[in-house]
């Protein structure tokens, strides 16, 4: 069973990398404490976050080092949790990262995908 789970996980990660940074994300799940589990895309740096049908952009602009996530972030995605308050979403994770995102009026264009 673990082999099948590992293969499926590898296929999902490969699909995310090939599809670009604004690719579809898996459905998010809200826990009883009001947080939503997410996989924050980091392959091209930290810029966009998608929760359900809503898109958010990092408040202080993209966070990247040479087109990649800064040291200490996973690539292509960082698992964590999000709390939404109106048009603001705050991402946190077990590594101590905390980033704020503001809801966008529309999804980012495909032109923002990285190679």
PDB file of N, CA and C in Angstrom:
ATOM      1  N   UNK A   1       0.821  -1.191   0.000  1.00  0.00           N
ATOM      2  CA  UNK A   1       0.000   0.000   0.000  1.00  0.00           C
ATOM      3  C   UNK A   1       0.865   1.255   0.000  1.00  0.00           C
ATOM      4  N   UNK A   2       1.976   1.240   0.755  1.00  0.00           N
ATOM      5  CA  UNK A   2       2.838   2.418   0.809  1.00  0.00           C
ATOM      6  C   UNK A   2       3.441   2.736  -0.553  1.00  0.00           C
ATOM      7  N   UNK A   3       3.750   1.709  -1.327  1.00  0.00           N
ATOM      8  CA  UNK A   3       4.318   1.929  -2.654  1.00  0.00           C
ATOM      9  C   UNK A   3       3.335   2.675  -3.537  1.00  0.00           C
ATOM     10  N   UNK A   4       2.070   2.298  -3.486  1.00  0.00           N
ATOM     11  CA  UNK A   4       1.039   2.965  -4.277  1.00  0.00           C
ATOM     12  C   UNK A   4       0.880   4.405  -3.808  1.00  0.00           C
ATOM     13  N   UNK A   5       0.850   4.639  -2.492  1.00  0.00           N
ATOM     14  CA  UNK A   5       0.723   5.993  -1.960  1.00  0.00           C
ATOM     15  C   UNK A   5       1.911   6.847  -2.364  1.00  0.00           C
ATOM     16  N   UNK A   6       3.126   6.286  -2.307  1.00  0.00           N
ATOM     17  CA  UNK A   6       4.322   7.021  -2.693  1.00  0.00           C
ATOM     18  C   UNK A   6       4.294   7.375  -4.165  1.00  0.00           C
ATOM     19  N   UNK A   7       3.845   6.435  -4.992  1.00  0.00           N
ATOM     20  CA  UNK A   7       3.753   6.677  -6.434  1.00  0.00           C
ATOM     21  C   UNK A   7       2.735   7.768  -6.737  1.00  0.00           C
ATOM     22  N   UNK A   8       1.589   7.709  -6.078  1.00  0.00           N
ATOM     23  CA  UNK A   8       0.565   8.732  -6.290  1.00  0.00           C
ATOM     24  C   UNK A   8       1.089  10.094  -5.847  1.00  0.00           C
ATOM     25  N   UNK A   9       1.760  10.145  -4.701  1.00  0.00           N
ATOM     26  CA  UNK A   9       2.332  11.406  -4.220  1.00  0.00           C
ATOM     27  C   UNK A   9       3.343  11.972  -5.192  1.00  0.00           C
ATOM     28  N   UNK A  10       4.216  11.116  -5.720  1.00  0.00           N
ATOM     29  CA  UNK A  10       5.218  11.568  -6.686  1.00  0.00           C
ATOM     30  C   UNK A  10       4.565  12.078  -7.957  1.00  0.00           C
ATOM     31  N   UNK A  11       3.487  11.442  -8.386  1.00  0.00           N
ATOM     32  CA  UNK A  11       2.777  11.886  -9.587  1.00  0.00           C
ATOM     33  C   UNK A  11       2.147  13.261  -9.377  1.00  0.00           C
ATOM     34  N   UNK A  12       1.595  13.490  -8.190  1.00  0.00           N
ATOM     35  CA  UNK A  12       0.971  14.787  -7.898  1.00  0.00           C
ATOM     36  C   UNK A  12       2.024  15.887  -7.891  1.00  0.00           C
ATOM     37  N   UNK A  13       3.154  15.653  -7.236  1.00  0.00           N
ATOM     38  CA  UNK A  13       4.226  16.653  -7.194  1.00  0.00           C
ATOM     39  C   UNK A  13       4.733  16.927  -8.602  1.00  0.00           C
ATOM     40  N   UNK A  14       4.935  15.877  -9.405  1.00  0.00           N
ATOM     41  CA  UNK A  14       5.396  16.060 -10.788  1.00  0.00           C
ATOM     42  C   UNK A  14       4.416  16.883 -11.594  1.00  0.00           C
ATOM     43  N   UNK A  15       3.146  16.642 -11.419  1.00  0.00           N
ATOM     44  CA  UNK A  15       2.128  17.389 -12.153  1.00  0.00           C
ATOM     45  C   UNK A  15       2.153  18.860 -11.757  1.00  0.00           C
ATOM     46  N   UNK A  16       2.363  19.149 -10.471  1.00  0.00           N
ATOM     47  CA  UNK A  16       2.418  20.543 -10.017  1.00  0.00           C
ATOM     48  C   UNK A  16       3.605  21.263 -10.643  1.00  0.00           C
ATOM     49  N   UNK A  17       4.758  20.606 -10.684  1.00  0.00           N
ATOM     50  CA  UNK A  17       5.956  21.227 -11.239  1.00  0.00           C
ATOM     51  C   UNK A  17       5.781  21.473 -12.728  1.00  0.00           C
ATOM     52  N   UNK A  18       5.251  20.496 -13.442  1.00  0.00           N
ATOM     53  CA  UNK A  18       5.087  20.624 -14.893  1.00  0.00           C
ATOM     54  C   UNK A  18       4.035  21.658 -15.265  1.00  0.00           C
ATOM     55  N   UNK A  19       3.021  21.816 -14.445  1.00  0.00           N
ATOM     56  CA  UNK A  19       1.915  22.707 -14.794  1.00  0.00           C
ATOM     57  C   UNK A  19       2.208  24.164 -14.488  1.00  0.00           C
ATOM     58  N   UNK A  20       3.218  24.460 -13.712  1.00  0.00           N
ATOM     59  CA  UNK A  20       3.544  25.847 -13.400  1.00  0.00           C
ATOM     60  C   UNK A  20       3.028  26.261 -12.038  1.00  0.00           C
ATOM     61  N   UNK A  21       3.378  27.464 -11.640  1.00  0.00           N
ATOM     62  CA  UNK A  21       3.098  27.927 -10.281  1.00  0.00           C
ATOM     63  C   UNK A  21       1.647  28.286 -10.029  1.00  0.00           C
ATOM     64  N   UNK A  22       0.857  28.516 -11.050  1.00  0.00           N
ATOM     65  CA  UNK A  22      -0.538  28.866 -10.832  1.00  0.00           C
ATOM     66  C   UNK A  22      -1.453  27.703 -11.187  1.00  0.00           C
ATOM     67  N   UNK A  23      -0.928  26.487 -11.112  1.00  0.00           N
ATOM     68  CA  UNK A  23      -1.696  25.297 -11.458  1.00  0.00           C
ATOM     69  C   UNK A  23      -2.807  25.043 -10.450  1.00  0.00           C
ATOM     70  N   UNK A  24      -3.754  24.191 -10.850  1.00  0.00           N
ATOM     71  CA  UNK A  24      -4.812  23.767  -9.953  1.00  0.00           C
ATOM     72  C   UNK A  24      -4.195  23.150  -8.705  1.00  0.00           C
ATOM     73  N   UNK A  25      -4.768  23.438  -7.569  1.00  0.00           N
ATOM     74  CA  UNK A  25      -4.328  22.816  -6.345  1.00  0.00           C
ATOM     75  C   UNK A  25      -5.418  21.873  -5.880  1.00  0.00           C
ATOM     76  N   UNK A  26      -5.037  20.879  -5.092  1.00  0.00           N
ATOM     77  CA  UNK A  26      -6.023  19.935  -4.588  1.00  0.00           C
ATOM     78  C   UNK A  26      -6.979  20.650  -3.645  1.00  0.00           C
ATOM     79  N   UNK A  27      -8.174  20.095  -3.477  1.00  0.00           N
ATOM     80  CA  UNK A  27      -9.143  20.730  -2.584  1.00  0.00           C
ATOM     81  C   UNK A  27      -8.570  20.886  -1.184  1.00  0.00           C
ATOM     82  N   UNK A  28      -8.874  21.999  -0.539  1.00  0.00           N
ATOM     83  CA  UNK A  28      -8.385  22.224   0.810  1.00  0.00           C
ATOM     84  C   UNK A  28      -9.390  21.662   1.805  1.00  0.00           C
ATOM     85  N   UNK A  29      -8.898  21.367   3.005  1.00  0.00           N
ATOM     86  CA  UNK A  29      -9.752  20.801   4.036  1.00  0.00           C
ATOM     87  C   UNK A  29      -9.688  21.682   5.273  1.00  0.00           C
ATOM     88  N   UNK A  30     -10.858  22.087   5.784  1.00  0.00           N
ATOM     89  CA  UNK A  30     -10.922  22.926   6.975  1.00  0.00           C
ATOM     90  C   UNK A  30     -11.048  22.033   8.199  1.00  0.00           C
ATOM     91  N   UNK A  31     -10.209  22.312   9.213  1.00  0.00           N
ATOM     92  CA  UNK A  31     -10.235  21.515  10.439  1.00  0.00           C
ATOM     93  C   UNK A  31     -11.190  22.137  11.455  1.00  0.00           C
ATOM     94  N   UNK A  32     -11.337  21.462  12.572  1.00  0.00           N
ATOM     95  CA  UNK A  32     -12.237  21.946  13.607  1.00  0.00           C
ATOM     96  C   UNK A  32     -11.743  23.227  14.273  1.00  0.00           C
ATOM     97  N   UNK A  33     -10.437  23.552  14.157  1.00  0.00           N
ATOM     98  CA  UNK A  33      -9.922  24.775  14.773  1.00  0.00           C
ATOM     99  C   UNK A  33     -10.031  25.986  13.841  1.00  0.00           C
ATOM    100  N   UNK A  34     -10.671  25.815  12.673  1.00  0.00           N
ATOM    101  CA  UNK A  34     -10.884  26.932  11.754  1.00  0.00           C
ATOM    102  C   UNK A  34      -9.763  27.157  10.763  1.00  0.00           C
ATOM    103  N   UNK A  35      -8.723  26.331  10.822  1.00  0.00           N
ATOM    104  CA  UNK A  35      -7.642  26.467   9.853  1.00  0.00           C
ATOM    105  C   UNK A  35      -7.917  25.558   8.657  1.00  0.00           C
ATOM    106  N   UNK A  36      -7.335  25.917   7.525  1.00  0.00           N
ATOM    107  CA  UNK A  36      -7.473  25.127   6.316  1.00  0.00           C
ATOM    108  C   UNK A  36      -6.098  24.586   5.951  1.00  0.00           C
ATOM    109  N   UNK A  37      -6.001  23.273   5.770  1.00  0.00           N
ATOM    110  CA  UNK A  37      -4.730  22.661   5.358  1.00  0.00           C
ATOM    111  C   UNK A  37      -4.492  22.991   3.887  1.00  0.00           C
ATOM    112  N   UNK A  38      -3.277  23.448   3.558  1.00  0.00           N
ATOM    113  CA  UNK A  38      -2.935  23.805   2.178  1.00  0.00           C
ATOM    114  C   UNK A  38      -1.524  23.344   1.848  1.00  0.00           C
ATOM    115  N   UNK A  39      -1.244  23.309   0.565  1.00  0.00           N
ATOM    116  CA  UNK A  39       0.101  23.113   0.028  1.00  0.00           C
ATOM    117  C   UNK A  39       0.423  24.424  -0.700  1.00  0.00           C
ATOM    118  N   UNK A  40       1.213  25.275  -0.087  1.00  0.00           N
ATOM    119  CA  UNK A  40       1.558  26.566  -0.664  1.00  0.00           C
ATOM    120  C   UNK A  40       2.582  26.373  -1.777  1.00  0.00           C
ATOM    121  N   UNK A  41       2.255  26.745  -3.030  1.00  0.00           N
ATOM    122  CA  UNK A  41       3.238  26.600  -4.112  1.00  0.00           C
ATOM    123  C   UNK A  41       4.461  27.479  -3.851  1.00  0.00           C
ATOM    124  N   UNK A  42       5.646  26.893  -3.987  1.00  0.00           N
ATOM    125  CA  UNK A  42       6.883  27.619  -3.709  1.00  0.00           C
ATOM    126  C   UNK A  42       7.893  27.517  -4.844  1.00  0.00           C
ATOM    127  N   UNK A  43       7.606  26.726  -5.862  1.00  0.00           N
ATOM    128  CA  UNK A  43       8.588  26.437  -6.914  1.00  0.00           C
ATOM    129  C   UNK A  43       9.190  27.696  -7.526  1.00  0.00           C
ATOM    130  N   UNK A  44       8.403  28.726  -7.725  1.00  0.00           N
ATOM    131  CA  UNK A  44       8.895  29.975  -8.331  1.00  0.00           C
ATOM    132  C   UNK A  44       9.026  31.075  -7.279  1.00  0.00           C
ATOM    133  N   UNK A  45       9.085  30.684  -6.019  1.00  0.00           N
ATOM    134  CA  UNK A  45       9.060  31.639  -4.930  1.00  0.00           C
ATOM    135  C   UNK A  45       7.657  31.652  -4.341  1.00  0.00           C
ATOM    136  N   UNK A  46       7.473  32.389  -3.264  1.00  0.00           N
ATOM    137  CA  UNK A  46       6.175  32.440  -2.604  1.00  0.00           C
ATOM    138  C   UNK A  46       5.450  33.695  -3.074  1.00  0.00           C
ATOM    139  N   UNK A  47       4.366  33.508  -3.822  1.00  0.00           N
ATOM    140  CA  UNK A  47       3.623  34.651  -4.352  1.00  0.00           C
ATOM    141  C   UNK A  47       2.113  34.454  -4.271  1.00  0.00           C
ATOM    142  N   UNK A  48       1.619  33.334  -4.764  1.00  0.00           N
ATOM    143  CA  UNK A  48       0.172  33.099  -4.831  1.00  0.00           C
ATOM    144  C   UNK A  48      -0.244  31.950  -3.939  1.00  0.00           C
ATOM    145  N   UNK A  49      -1.480  32.024  -3.475  1.00  0.00           N
ATOM    146  CA  UNK A  49      -2.089  30.996  -2.659  1.00  0.00           C
ATOM    147  C   UNK A  49      -3.521  30.825  -3.142  1.00  0.00           C
ATOM    148  N   UNK A  50      -3.938  29.599  -3.321  1.00  0.00           N
ATOM    149  CA  UNK A  50      -5.315  29.334  -3.733  1.00  0.00           C
ATOM    150  C   UNK A  50      -6.015  28.543  -2.647  1.00  0.00           C
ATOM    151  N   UNK A  51      -7.192  29.039  -2.252  1.00  0.00           N
ATOM    152  CA  UNK A  51      -8.025  28.345  -1.277  1.00  0.00           C
ATOM    153  C   UNK A  51      -9.393  28.181  -1.924  1.00  0.00           C
ATOM    154  N   UNK A  52      -9.739  26.961  -2.267  1.00  0.00           N
ATOM    155  CA  UNK A  52     -10.993  26.719  -2.979  1.00  0.00           C
ATOM    156  C   UNK A  52     -10.959  27.432  -4.310  1.00  0.00           C
ATOM    157  N   UNK A  53     -11.935  28.298  -4.557  1.00  0.00           N
ATOM    158  CA  UNK A  53     -11.989  29.070  -5.801  1.00  0.00           C
ATOM    159  C   UNK A  53     -11.342  30.445  -5.671  1.00  0.00           C
ATOM    160  N   UNK A  54     -10.871  30.788  -4.482  1.00  0.00           N
ATOM    161  CA  UNK A  54     -10.310  32.119  -4.229  1.00  0.00           C
ATOM    162  C   UNK A  54      -8.788  32.119  -4.362  1.00  0.00           C
ATOM    163  N   UNK A  55      -8.271  33.172  -5.000  1.00  0.00           N
ATOM    164  CA  UNK A  55      -6.822  33.364  -5.164  1.00  0.00           C
ATOM    165  C   UNK A  55      -6.359  34.524  -4.297  1.00  0.00           C
ATOM    166  N   UNK A  56      -5.180  34.389  -3.718  1.00  0.00           N
ATOM    167  CA  UNK A  56      -4.583  35.389  -2.855  1.00  0.00           C
ATOM    168  C   UNK A  56      -3.166  35.669  -3.326  1.00  0.00           C
ATOM    169  N   UNK A  57      -2.695  36.904  -3.088  1.00  0.00           N
ATOM    170  CA  UNK A  57      -1.329  37.282  -3.429  1.00  0.00           C
ATOM    171  C   UNK A  57      -0.623  37.760  -2.167  1.00  0.00           C
ATOM    172  N   UNK A  58       0.638  37.407  -2.025  1.00  0.00           N
ATOM    173  CA  UNK A  58       1.422  37.773  -0.843  1.00  0.00           C
ATOM    174  C   UNK A  58       1.455  39.294  -0.694  1.00  0.00           C
ATOM    175  N   UNK A  59       1.180  39.773   0.511  1.00  0.00           N
ATOM    176  CA  UNK A  59       1.089  41.212   0.772  1.00  0.00           C
ATOM    177  C   UNK A  59       2.365  41.980   0.445  1.00  0.00           C
ATOM    178  N   UNK A  60       3.509  41.452   0.771  1.00  0.00           N
ATOM    179  CA  UNK A  60       4.767  42.173   0.567  1.00  0.00           C
ATOM    180  C   UNK A  60       5.444  41.826  -0.756  1.00  0.00           C
ATOM    181  N   UNK A  61       4.674  41.338  -1.721  1.00  0.00           N
ATOM    182  CA  UNK A  61       5.231  40.960  -3.015  1.00  0.00           C
ATOM    183  C   UNK A  61       5.854  39.584  -2.963  1.00  0.00           C
ATOM    184  N   UNK A  62       6.332  39.105  -4.098  1.00  0.00           N
ATOM    185  CA  UNK A  62       6.907  37.760  -4.148  1.00  0.00           C
ATOM    186  C   UNK A  62       8.108  37.606  -3.215  1.00  0.00           C
ATOM    187  N   UNK A  63       8.206  36.446  -2.616  1.00  0.00           N
ATOM    188  CA  UNK A  63       9.328  36.107  -1.753  1.00  0.00           C
ATOM    189  C   UNK A  63      10.107  35.017  -2.480  1.00  0.00           C
ATOM    190  N   UNK A  64      11.257  35.390  -3.053  1.00  0.00           N
ATOM    191  CA  UNK A  64      12.017  34.438  -3.866  1.00  0.00           C
ATOM    192  C   UNK A  64      13.502  34.752  -3.817  1.00  0.00           C
ATOM    193  N   UNK A  65      14.299  33.726  -4.079  1.00  0.00           N
ATOM    194  CA  UNK A  65      15.745  33.866  -4.234  1.00  0.00           C
ATOM    195  C   UNK A  65      16.113  33.221  -5.560  1.00  0.00           C
ATOM    196  N   UNK A  66      16.461  34.010  -6.544  1.00  0.00           N
ATOM    197  CA  UNK A  66      16.812  33.512  -7.873  1.00  0.00           C
ATOM    198  C   UNK A  66      15.715  32.643  -8.473  1.00  0.00           C
ATOM    199  N   UNK A  67      14.466  33.036  -8.271  1.00  0.00           N
ATOM    200  CA  UNK A  67      13.345  32.308  -8.847  1.00  0.00           C
ATOM    201  C   UNK A  67      12.941  31.062  -8.085  1.00  0.00           C
ATOM    202  N   UNK A  68      13.508  30.833  -6.929  1.00  0.00           N
ATOM    203  CA  UNK A  68      13.189  29.678  -6.096  1.00  0.00           C
ATOM    204  C   UNK A  68      12.743  30.162  -4.718  1.00  0.00           C
ATOM    205  N   UNK A  69      12.199  29.255  -3.909  1.00  0.00           N
ATOM    206  CA  UNK A  69      11.855  29.681  -2.555  1.00  0.00           C
ATOM    207  C   UNK A  69      13.121  29.945  -1.747  1.00  0.00           C
ATOM    208  N   UNK A  70      13.040  30.831  -0.764  1.00  0.00           N
ATOM    209  CA  UNK A  70      14.202  31.081   0.098  1.00  0.00           C
ATOM    210  C   UNK A  70      14.603  29.823   0.864  1.00  0.00           C
ATOM    211  N   UNK A  71      15.791  29.817   1.381  1.00  0.00           N
ATOM    212  CA  UNK A  71      16.284  28.710   2.195  1.00  0.00           C
ATOM    213  C   UNK A  71      15.306  28.440   3.337  1.00  0.00           C
ATOM    214  N   UNK A  72      15.079  27.174   3.609  1.00  0.00           N
ATOM    215  CA  UNK A  72      14.169  26.793   4.685  1.00  0.00           C
ATOM    216  C   UNK A  72      12.767  26.462   4.212  1.00  0.00           C
ATOM    217  N   UNK A  73      12.490  26.702   2.935  1.00  0.00           N
ATOM    218  CA  UNK A  73      11.188  26.374   2.345  1.00  0.00           C
ATOM    219  C   UNK A  73      11.345  25.143   1.470  1.00  0.00           C
ATOM    220  N   UNK A  74      10.320  24.310   1.447  1.00  0.00           N
ATOM    221  CA  UNK A  74      10.311  23.146   0.552  1.00  0.00           C
ATOM    222  C   UNK A  74      10.022  23.603  -0.871  1.00  0.00           C
ATOM    223  N   UNK A  75      10.438  22.778  -1.825  1.00  0.00           N
ATOM    224  CA  UNK A  75      10.198  23.073  -3.241  1.00  0.00           C
ATOM    225  C   UNK A  75       9.711  21.778  -3.880  1.00  0.00           C
ATOM    226  N   UNK A  76       8.549  21.718  -4.449  1.00  0.00           N
ATOM    227  CA  UNK A  76       7.760  22.758  -5.091  1.00  0.00           C
ATOM    228  C   UNK A  76       6.611  23.307  -4.245  1.00  0.00           C
ATOM    229  N   UNK A  77       6.399  22.771  -3.021  1.00  0.00           N
ATOM    230  CA  UNK A  77       5.292  23.266  -2.204  1.00  0.00           C
ATOM    231  C   UNK A  77       5.611  23.069  -0.726  1.00  0.00           C
ATOM    232  N   UNK A  78       5.021  23.935   0.108  1.00  0.00           N
ATOM    233  CA  UNK A  78       5.221  23.886   1.557  1.00  0.00           C
ATOM    234  C   UNK A  78       3.881  23.564   2.216  1.00  0.00           C
ATOM    235  N   UNK A  79       3.790  22.453   2.945  1.00  0.00           N
ATOM    236  CA  UNK A  79       2.543  22.149   3.649  1.00  0.00           C
ATOM    237  C   UNK A  79       2.361  23.089   4.835  1.00  0.00           C
ATOM    238  N   UNK A  80       1.124  23.469   5.076  1.00  0.00           N
ATOM    239  CA  UNK A  80       0.839  24.342   6.208  1.00  0.00           C
ATOM    240  C   UNK A  80      -0.647  24.522   6.402  1.00  0.00           C
ATOM    241  N   UNK A  81      -0.986  25.595   7.106  1.00  0.00           N
ATOM    242  CA  UNK A  81      -2.375  25.903   7.438  1.00  0.00           C
ATOM    243  C   UNK A  81      -2.653  27.367   7.143  1.00  0.00           C
ATOM    244  N   UNK A  82      -3.897  27.648   6.825  1.00  0.00           N
ATOM    245  CA  UNK A  82      -4.307  29.021   6.545  1.00  0.00           C
ATOM    246  C   UNK A  82      -5.517  29.367   7.395  1.00  0.00           C
ATOM    247  N   UNK A  83      -5.512  30.585   7.916  1.00  0.00           N
ATOM    248  CA  UNK A  83      -6.671  31.149   8.588  1.00  0.00           C
ATOM    249  C   UNK A  83      -7.119  32.334   7.748  1.00  0.00           C
ATOM    250  N   UNK A  84      -8.403  32.361   7.402  1.00  0.00           N
ATOM    251  CA  UNK A  84      -8.947  33.472   6.610  1.00  0.00           C
ATOM    252  C   UNK A  84      -9.742  34.409   7.502  1.00  0.00           C
ATOM    253  N   UNK A  85      -9.512  35.709   7.301  1.00  0.00           N
ATOM    254  CA  UNK A  85     -10.274  36.751   7.972  1.00  0.00           C
ATOM    255  C   UNK A  85     -10.645  37.754   6.895  1.00  0.00           C
ATOM    256  N   UNK A  86     -11.879  37.673   6.395  1.00  0.00           N
ATOM    257  CA  UNK A  86     -12.283  38.544   5.296  1.00  0.00           C
ATOM    258  C   UNK A  86     -11.454  38.263   4.067  1.00  0.00           C
ATOM    259  N   UNK A  87     -10.804  39.311   3.532  1.00  0.00           N
ATOM    260  CA  UNK A  87      -9.985  39.180   2.325  1.00  0.00           C
ATOM    261  C   UNK A  87      -8.524  38.890   2.638  1.00  0.00           C
ATOM    262  N   UNK A  88      -8.207  38.587   3.894  1.00  0.00           N
ATOM    263  CA  UNK A  88      -6.834  38.307   4.306  1.00  0.00           C
ATOM    264  C   UNK A  88      -6.702  36.827   4.671  1.00  0.00           C
ATOM    265  N   UNK A  89      -5.631  36.196   4.200  1.00  0.00           N
ATOM    266  CA  UNK A  89      -5.327  34.807   4.543  1.00  0.00           C
ATOM    267  C   UNK A  89      -3.923  34.774   5.129  1.00  0.00           C
ATOM    268  N   UNK A  90      -3.757  34.112   6.261  1.00  0.00           N
ATOM    269  CA  UNK A  90      -2.455  34.002   6.907  1.00  0.00           C
ATOM    270  C   UNK A  90      -2.020  32.545   6.908  1.00  0.00           C
ATOM    271  N   UNK A  91      -0.881  32.292   6.262  1.00  0.00           N
ATOM    272  CA  UNK A  91      -0.298  30.959   6.162  1.00  0.00           C
ATOM    273  C   UNK A  91       0.703  30.766   7.284  1.00  0.00           C
ATOM    274  N   UNK A  92       0.656  29.627   7.959  1.00  0.00           N
ATOM    275  CA  UNK A  92       1.662  29.240   8.942  1.00  0.00           C
ATOM    276  C   UNK A  92       1.992  27.769   8.726  1.00  0.00           C
ATOM    277  N   UNK A  93       3.155  27.364   9.217  1.00  0.00           N
ATOM    278  CA  UNK A  93       3.545  25.955   9.104  1.00  0.00           C
ATOM    279  C   UNK A  93       4.365  25.548  10.318  1.00  0.00           C
ATOM    280  N   UNK A  94       4.708  24.277  10.365  1.00  0.00           N
ATOM    281  CA  UNK A  94       5.469  23.744  11.492  1.00  0.00           C
ATOM    282  C   UNK A  94       6.920  24.208  11.504  1.00  0.00           C
ATOM    283  N   UNK A  95       7.398  24.783  10.388  1.00  0.00           N
ATOM    284  CA  UNK A  95       8.771  25.297  10.319  1.00  0.00           C
ATOM    285  C   UNK A  95       8.871  26.724  10.860  1.00  0.00           C
ATOM    286  N   UNK A  96       7.739  27.323  11.230  1.00  0.00           N
ATOM    287  CA  UNK A  96       7.742  28.675  11.780  1.00  0.00           C
ATOM    288  C   UNK A  96       7.500  29.779  10.768  1.00  0.00           C
ATOM    289  N   UNK A  97       7.214  29.432   9.518  1.00  0.00           N
ATOM    290  CA  UNK A  97       6.915  30.459   8.517  1.00  0.00           C
ATOM    291  C   UNK A  97       5.539  31.068   8.784  1.00  0.00           C
ATOM    292  N   UNK A  98       5.425  32.350   8.500  1.00  0.00           N
ATOM    293  CA  UNK A  98       4.142  33.060   8.622  1.00  0.00           C
ATOM    294  C   UNK A  98       4.105  34.109   7.516  1.00  0.00           C
ATOM    295  N   UNK A  99       3.170  33.953   6.592  1.00  0.00           N
ATOM    296  CA  UNK A  99       3.042  34.866   5.462  1.00  0.00           C
ATOM    297  C   UNK A  99       1.582  35.290   5.320  1.00  0.00           C
ATOM    298  N   UNK A 100       1.366  36.557   4.984  1.00  0.00           N
ATOM    299  CA  UNK A 100       0.017  37.087   4.799  1.00  0.00           C
ATOM    300  C   UNK A 100      -0.263  37.324   3.324  1.00  0.00           C
ATOM    301  N   UNK A 101      -1.479  37.002   2.924  1.00  0.00           N
ATOM    302  CA  UNK A 101      -1.917  37.115   1.540  1.00  0.00           C
ATOM    303  C   UNK A 101      -3.241  37.860   1.494  1.00  0.00           C
ATOM    304  N   UNK A 102      -3.435  38.654   0.425  1.00  0.00           N
ATOM    305  CA  UNK A 102      -4.677  39.393   0.227  1.00  0.00           C
ATOM    306  C   UNK A 102      -5.423  38.816  -0.959  1.00  0.00           C
ATOM    307  N   UNK A 103      -6.754  38.706  -0.817  1.00  0.00           N
ATOM    308  CA  UNK A 103      -7.591  38.134  -1.873  1.00  0.00           C
ATOM    309  C   UNK A 103      -7.496  38.979  -3.140  1.00  0.00           C
ATOM    310  N   UNK A 104      -7.376  38.288  -4.271  1.00  0.00           N
ATOM    311  CA  UNK A 104      -7.287  38.938  -5.575  1.00  0.00           C
ATOM    312  C   UNK A 104      -8.684  39.003  -6.204  1.00  0.00           C
ATOM    313  N   UNK A 105      -8.925  40.022  -7.015  1.00  0.00           N
ATOM    314  CA  UNK A 105     -10.211  40.165  -7.693  1.00  0.00           C
ATOM    315  C   UNK A 105     -10.407  39.073  -8.738  1.00  0.00           C
ATOM    316  N   UNK A 106      -9.297  38.608  -9.317  1.00  0.00           N
ATOM    317  CA  UNK A 106      -9.354  37.535 -10.311  1.00  0.00           C
ATOM    318  C   UNK A 106      -8.085  36.697 -10.207  1.00  0.00           C
ATOM    319  N   UNK A 107      -8.102  35.473 -10.735  1.00  0.00           N
ATOM    320  CA  UNK A 107      -6.904  34.623 -10.674  1.00  0.00           C
ATOM    321  C   UNK A 107      -5.740  35.264 -11.419  1.00  0.00           C
ATOM    322  N   UNK A 108      -4.513  34.903 -11.061  1.00  0.00           N
ATOM    323  CA  UNK A 108      -3.355  35.424 -11.795  1.00  0.00           C
ATOM    324  C   UNK A 108      -3.385  34.900 -13.234  1.00  0.00           C
ATOM    325  N   UNK A 109      -2.817  35.671 -14.150  1.00  0.00           N
ATOM    326  CA  UNK A 109      -2.793  35.246 -15.552  1.00  0.00           C
ATOM    327  C   UNK A 109      -1.787  34.116 -15.726  1.00  0.00           C
ATOM    328  N   UNK A 110      -1.967  33.345 -16.760  1.00  0.00           N
ATOM    329  CA  UNK A 110      -1.029  32.254 -17.030  1.00  0.00           C
ATOM    330  C   UNK A 110       0.356  32.804 -17.377  1.00  0.00           C
ATOM    331  N   UNK A 111       0.444  34.099 -17.702  1.00  0.00           N
ATOM    332  CA  UNK A 111       1.725  34.714 -18.016  1.00  0.00           C
ATOM    333  C   UNK A 111       2.635  34.795 -16.787  1.00  0.00           C
ATOM    334  N   UNK A 112       2.069  34.605 -15.589  1.00  0.00           N
ATOM    335  CA  UNK A 112       2.882  34.664 -14.374  1.00  0.00           C
ATOM    336  C   UNK A 112       3.514  33.323 -14.048  1.00  0.00           C
ATOM    337  N   UNK A 113       3.221  32.285 -14.843  1.00  0.00           N
ATOM    338  CA  UNK A 113       3.857  30.977 -14.618  1.00  0.00           C
ATOM    339  C   UNK A 113       5.350  31.089 -14.857  1.00  0.00           C
ATOM    340  N   UNK A 114       6.115  30.329 -14.106  1.00  0.00           N
ATOM    341  CA  UNK A 114       7.558  30.317 -14.338  1.00  0.00           C
ATOM    342  C   UNK A 114       7.936  29.056 -15.087  1.00  0.00           C
ATOM    343  N   UNK A 115       9.142  29.029 -15.595  1.00  0.00           N
ATOM    344  CA  UNK A 115       9.588  27.859 -16.374  1.00  0.00           C
ATOM    345  C   UNK A 115      10.118  26.783 -15.476  1.00  0.00           C
TER     346      UNK A 115
END
